[in-house]
Amino acid sequence: MIVDSLPLILLPCKFCSLGNVRALSLPQVGVEAERSLDELSVANEKLRVDIEKWSDAKDKELKDIMTHWAQNHVDFHNKVGLLCRLVECVVGVDVLVGQAK
């Protein structure tokens, strides 16, 4: 029989405990290669989806951070402006009181 005379190929095996190597015939290698390619394509698809989710979340988080920072910046300048106007008022009143004396 031709199949019995086919050479065996040694492949690494993640399930074997005997030196982590197993012998496969050429037809078995083809089946193993197909299975591995299927696993690879599934893993690649999962990775692509995870990267898309991460990218979308990253964009939203960066937008939120920048919006919050900008609002804090505006609030700070509004407070500083109010403080400056208050100081101008107090100085103006002091000047008027000084002139009235």
N, C-alpha and C. Protein backbone atom coordinates (compact mmCIF):
# COMPACT_ATOMS: atom_id res chain seq x y z
N MET A 1 0.84 -1.17 0.00
CA MET A 1 0.00 0.00 0.00
C MET A 1 0.90 1.25 0.00
N ILE A 2 0.55 2.23 -0.81
CA ILE A 2 1.39 3.43 -0.98
C ILE A 2 1.38 4.28 0.28
N VAL A 3 0.25 4.44 0.93
CA VAL A 3 0.14 5.29 2.12
C VAL A 3 1.06 4.78 3.23
N ASP A 4 1.18 3.47 3.36
CA ASP A 4 2.03 2.92 4.41
C ASP A 4 3.51 3.18 4.15
N SER A 5 3.86 3.36 2.89
CA SER A 5 5.27 3.57 2.59
C SER A 5 5.67 5.04 2.60
N LEU A 6 4.72 5.94 2.84
CA LEU A 6 5.03 7.36 2.89
C LEU A 6 5.91 7.65 4.10
N PRO A 7 6.85 8.57 3.95
CA PRO A 7 7.72 8.90 5.07
C PRO A 7 6.94 9.63 6.16
N LEU A 8 7.42 9.49 7.36
CA LEU A 8 6.82 10.19 8.48
C LEU A 8 7.57 11.50 8.69
N ILE A 9 6.82 12.49 9.11
CA ILE A 9 7.40 13.81 9.37
C ILE A 9 7.23 14.10 10.85
N LEU A 10 8.29 14.56 11.49
CA LEU A 10 8.21 14.89 12.90
C LEU A 10 7.82 16.35 13.06
N LEU A 11 6.75 16.58 13.79
CA LEU A 11 6.26 17.93 14.04
C LEU A 11 6.19 18.19 15.54
N PRO A 12 6.41 19.43 15.95
CA PRO A 12 6.23 19.77 17.36
C PRO A 12 4.77 19.59 17.75
N CYS A 13 4.54 19.12 18.93
CA CYS A 13 3.18 18.89 19.38
C CYS A 13 2.98 19.54 20.74
N LYS A 14 1.94 20.36 20.85
CA LYS A 14 1.69 21.02 22.13
C LYS A 14 0.97 20.09 23.10
N PHE A 15 0.51 18.95 22.62
CA PHE A 15 -0.23 18.02 23.48
C PHE A 15 0.59 16.79 23.87
N CYS A 16 1.68 16.52 23.16
CA CYS A 16 2.47 15.32 23.44
C CYS A 16 3.46 15.59 24.57
N SER A 17 3.71 14.58 25.38
CA SER A 17 4.65 14.75 26.48
C SER A 17 5.99 14.07 26.18
N LEU A 18 6.08 13.33 25.11
CA LEU A 18 7.31 12.61 24.78
C LEU A 18 8.21 13.49 23.91
N GLY A 19 8.93 14.38 24.53
CA GLY A 19 9.85 15.21 23.78
C GLY A 19 9.16 16.26 22.93
N ASN A 20 7.88 16.45 23.12
CA ASN A 20 7.09 17.43 22.36
C ASN A 20 7.23 17.27 20.86
N VAL A 21 7.34 16.03 20.39
CA VAL A 21 7.44 15.77 18.95
C VAL A 21 6.51 14.61 18.63
N ARG A 22 5.84 14.70 17.49
CA ARG A 22 5.01 13.58 17.05
C ARG A 22 5.25 13.33 15.58
N ALA A 23 5.06 12.08 15.17
CA ALA A 23 5.29 11.69 13.78
C ALA A 23 3.97 11.70 13.04
N LEU A 24 3.97 12.33 11.87
CA LEU A 24 2.77 12.39 11.03
C LEU A 24 3.11 11.96 9.61
N SER A 25 2.16 11.34 8.97
CA SER A 25 2.34 11.02 7.55
C SER A 25 2.00 12.28 6.74
N LEU A 26 2.34 12.30 5.48
CA LEU A 26 2.08 13.48 4.64
C LEU A 26 0.61 13.86 4.61
N PRO A 27 -0.33 12.93 4.45
CA PRO A 27 -1.74 13.33 4.48
C PRO A 27 -2.12 13.96 5.83
N GLN A 28 -1.56 13.43 6.91
CA GLN A 28 -1.86 14.00 8.22
C GLN A 28 -1.27 15.40 8.36
N VAL A 29 -0.12 15.61 7.73
CA VAL A 29 0.49 16.94 7.76
C VAL A 29 -0.42 17.95 7.07
N GLY A 30 -1.02 17.54 5.95
CA GLY A 30 -1.95 18.43 5.23
C GLY A 30 -3.14 18.80 6.09
N VAL A 31 -3.69 17.80 6.78
CA VAL A 31 -4.84 18.04 7.66
C VAL A 31 -4.41 18.96 8.81
N GLU A 32 -3.26 18.69 9.38
CA GLU A 32 -2.75 19.50 10.49
C GLU A 32 -2.50 20.95 10.03
N ALA A 33 -1.97 21.10 8.83
CA ALA A 33 -1.71 22.45 8.29
C ALA A 33 -3.02 23.19 8.09
N GLU A 34 -4.03 22.52 7.55
CA GLU A 34 -5.34 23.16 7.36
C GLU A 34 -5.94 23.60 8.69
N ARG A 35 -5.85 22.72 9.69
CA ARG A 35 -6.39 23.03 11.01
C ARG A 35 -5.65 24.22 11.61
N SER A 36 -4.35 24.24 11.44
CA SER A 36 -3.55 25.34 11.98
C SER A 36 -3.89 26.66 11.28
N LEU A 37 -4.09 26.60 9.96
CA LEU A 37 -4.47 27.82 9.23
C LEU A 37 -5.84 28.32 9.67
N ASP A 38 -6.76 27.39 9.93
CA ASP A 38 -8.08 27.79 10.42
C ASP A 38 -7.96 28.49 11.78
N GLU A 39 -7.16 27.90 12.67
CA GLU A 39 -6.94 28.50 13.98
C GLU A 39 -6.30 29.87 13.85
N LEU A 40 -5.35 29.99 12.93
CA LEU A 40 -4.67 31.27 12.71
C LEU A 40 -5.64 32.33 12.21
N SER A 41 -6.51 31.97 11.27
CA SER A 41 -7.45 32.96 10.74
C SER A 41 -8.45 33.39 11.81
N VAL A 42 -8.88 32.47 12.67
CA VAL A 42 -9.78 32.83 13.76
C VAL A 42 -9.07 33.76 14.74
N ALA A 43 -7.83 33.44 15.09
CA ALA A 43 -7.06 34.28 16.00
C ALA A 43 -6.83 35.67 15.41
N ASN A 44 -6.53 35.73 14.11
CA ASN A 44 -6.32 37.03 13.46
C ASN A 44 -7.59 37.86 13.47
N GLU A 45 -8.72 37.24 13.24
CA GLU A 45 -10.00 37.96 13.25
C GLU A 45 -10.31 38.49 14.65
N LYS A 46 -10.08 37.67 15.66
CA LYS A 46 -10.30 38.12 17.04
C LYS A 46 -9.38 39.29 17.37
N LEU A 47 -8.14 39.20 16.94
CA LEU A 47 -7.18 40.27 17.19
C LEU A 47 -7.60 41.56 16.48
N ARG A 48 -8.06 41.44 15.24
CA ARG A 48 -8.50 42.61 14.49
C ARG A 48 -9.67 43.29 15.20
N VAL A 49 -10.64 42.50 15.66
CA VAL A 49 -11.79 43.05 16.37
C VAL A 49 -11.35 43.73 17.66
N ASP A 50 -10.44 43.11 18.40
CA ASP A 50 -9.94 43.70 19.64
C ASP A 50 -9.22 45.02 19.37
N ILE A 51 -8.44 45.07 18.32
CA ILE A 51 -7.72 46.30 17.98
C ILE A 51 -8.70 47.41 17.59
N GLU A 52 -9.75 47.06 16.85
CA GLU A 52 -10.77 48.06 16.49
C GLU A 52 -11.46 48.60 17.74
N LYS A 53 -11.83 47.70 18.66
CA LYS A 53 -12.48 48.14 19.90
C LYS A 53 -11.54 49.04 20.70
N TRP A 54 -10.27 48.65 20.80
CA TRP A 54 -9.30 49.46 21.53
C TRP A 54 -9.14 50.83 20.90
N SER A 55 -9.08 50.86 19.57
CA SER A 55 -8.89 52.12 18.86
C SER A 55 -10.09 53.05 19.08
N ASP A 56 -11.31 52.49 18.99
CA ASP A 56 -12.51 53.30 19.22
C ASP A 56 -12.54 53.82 20.65
N ALA A 57 -12.23 52.97 21.60
CA ALA A 57 -12.23 53.38 23.01
C ALA A 57 -11.15 54.43 23.26
N LYS A 58 -9.98 54.25 22.64
CA LYS A 58 -8.87 55.20 22.79
C LYS A 58 -9.28 56.57 22.26
N ASP A 59 -9.91 56.59 21.09
CA ASP A 59 -10.34 57.87 20.51
C ASP A 59 -11.34 58.58 21.41
N LYS A 60 -12.31 57.83 21.94
CA LYS A 60 -13.33 58.42 22.81
C LYS A 60 -12.69 58.93 24.10
N GLU A 61 -11.81 58.15 24.70
CA GLU A 61 -11.16 58.57 25.93
C GLU A 61 -10.30 59.81 25.72
N LEU A 62 -9.55 59.86 24.61
CA LEU A 62 -8.73 61.04 24.32
C LEU A 62 -9.61 62.28 24.12
N LYS A 63 -10.73 62.10 23.43
CA LYS A 63 -11.64 63.22 23.22
C LYS A 63 -12.18 63.71 24.56
N ASP A 64 -12.58 62.78 25.43
CA ASP A 64 -13.09 63.16 26.75
C ASP A 64 -12.03 63.87 27.58
N ILE A 65 -10.80 63.37 27.54
CA ILE A 65 -9.71 63.99 28.29
C ILE A 65 -9.46 65.42 27.79
N MET A 66 -9.38 65.59 26.49
CA MET A 66 -9.10 66.91 25.93
C MET A 66 -10.25 67.88 26.19
N THR A 67 -11.49 67.40 26.11
CA THR A 67 -12.65 68.25 26.39
C THR A 67 -12.64 68.68 27.85
N HIS A 68 -12.36 67.75 28.75
CA HIS A 68 -12.30 68.06 30.18
C HIS A 68 -11.17 69.07 30.45
N TRP A 69 -10.02 68.86 29.84
CA TRP A 69 -8.90 69.78 30.03
C TRP A 69 -9.26 71.18 29.54
N ALA A 70 -9.88 71.25 28.36
CA ALA A 70 -10.25 72.55 27.79
C ALA A 70 -11.27 73.27 28.69
N GLN A 71 -12.23 72.51 29.21
CA GLN A 71 -13.23 73.12 30.10
C GLN A 71 -12.57 73.63 31.38
N ASN A 72 -11.64 72.86 31.93
CA ASN A 72 -10.91 73.31 33.12
C ASN A 72 -10.11 74.58 32.83
N HIS A 73 -9.53 74.63 31.64
CA HIS A 73 -8.74 75.80 31.23
C HIS A 73 -9.65 77.04 31.15
N VAL A 74 -10.81 76.88 30.53
CA VAL A 74 -11.76 77.99 30.42
C VAL A 74 -12.24 78.42 31.80
N ASP A 75 -12.58 77.45 32.65
CA ASP A 75 -13.04 77.77 34.01
C ASP A 75 -11.96 78.53 34.78
N PHE A 76 -10.70 78.09 34.65
CA PHE A 76 -9.60 78.77 35.34
C PHE A 76 -9.50 80.22 34.90
N HIS A 77 -9.54 80.44 33.58
CA HIS A 77 -9.40 81.81 33.08
C HIS A 77 -10.61 82.66 33.45
N ASN A 78 -11.78 82.06 33.53
CA ASN A 78 -12.96 82.81 33.98
C ASN A 78 -12.78 83.24 35.44
N LYS A 79 -12.27 82.33 36.29
CA LYS A 79 -12.04 82.66 37.70
C LYS A 79 -10.96 83.74 37.83
N VAL A 80 -9.89 83.62 37.06
CA VAL A 80 -8.82 84.61 37.11
C VAL A 80 -9.34 85.96 36.64
N GLY A 81 -10.14 85.94 35.58
CA GLY A 81 -10.72 87.19 35.08
C GLY A 81 -11.64 87.83 36.10
N LEU A 82 -12.45 87.03 36.78
CA LEU A 82 -13.35 87.53 37.81
C LEU A 82 -12.54 88.11 38.96
N LEU A 83 -11.47 87.43 39.34
CA LEU A 83 -10.60 87.90 40.42
C LEU A 83 -9.95 89.23 40.02
N CYS A 84 -9.49 89.33 38.79
CA CYS A 84 -8.87 90.57 38.32
C CYS A 84 -9.88 91.72 38.34
N ARG A 85 -11.11 91.44 37.89
CA ARG A 85 -12.14 92.49 37.92
C ARG A 85 -12.45 92.90 39.36
N LEU A 86 -12.45 91.92 40.28
CA LEU A 86 -12.70 92.22 41.69
C LEU A 86 -11.58 93.09 42.25
N VAL A 87 -10.34 92.76 41.93
CA VAL A 87 -9.19 93.55 42.38
C VAL A 87 -9.28 94.96 41.81
N GLU A 88 -9.63 95.08 40.55
CA GLU A 88 -9.77 96.41 39.92
C GLU A 88 -10.85 97.22 40.63
N CYS A 89 -11.93 96.53 41.02
CA CYS A 89 -13.01 97.20 41.74
C CYS A 89 -12.52 97.72 43.09
N VAL A 90 -11.83 96.85 43.82
CA VAL A 90 -11.34 97.23 45.15
C VAL A 90 -10.33 98.37 45.02
N VAL A 91 -9.44 98.27 44.07
CA VAL A 91 -8.45 99.33 43.85
C VAL A 91 -9.15 100.61 43.46
N GLY A 92 -10.15 100.49 42.60
CA GLY A 92 -10.91 101.68 42.17
C GLY A 92 -11.62 102.33 43.34
N VAL A 93 -12.21 101.52 44.21
CA VAL A 93 -12.89 102.06 45.39
C VAL A 93 -11.88 102.72 46.31
N ASP A 94 -10.71 102.08 46.50
CA ASP A 94 -9.66 102.69 47.34
C ASP A 94 -9.21 104.02 46.76
N VAL A 95 -9.08 104.09 45.47
CA VAL A 95 -8.67 105.35 44.84
C VAL A 95 -9.73 106.42 45.06
N LEU A 96 -11.01 106.01 44.89
CA LEU A 96 -12.09 106.99 45.09
C LEU A 96 -12.16 107.43 46.55
N VAL A 97 -11.98 106.48 47.47
CA VAL A 97 -12.01 106.82 48.91
C VAL A 97 -10.82 107.71 49.23
N GLY A 98 -9.67 107.41 48.66
CA GLY A 98 -8.48 108.24 48.89
C GLY A 98 -8.67 109.64 48.35
N GLN A 99 -9.33 109.76 47.24
CA GLN A 99 -9.56 111.08 46.65
C GLN A 99 -10.61 111.84 47.44
N ALA A 100 -11.55 111.12 48.07
CA ALA A 100 -12.61 111.76 48.83
C ALA A 100 -12.10 112.33 50.13
N LYS A 101 -11.00 111.82 50.65
CA LYS A 101 -10.49 112.31 51.94
C LYS A 101 -9.84 113.59 51.78
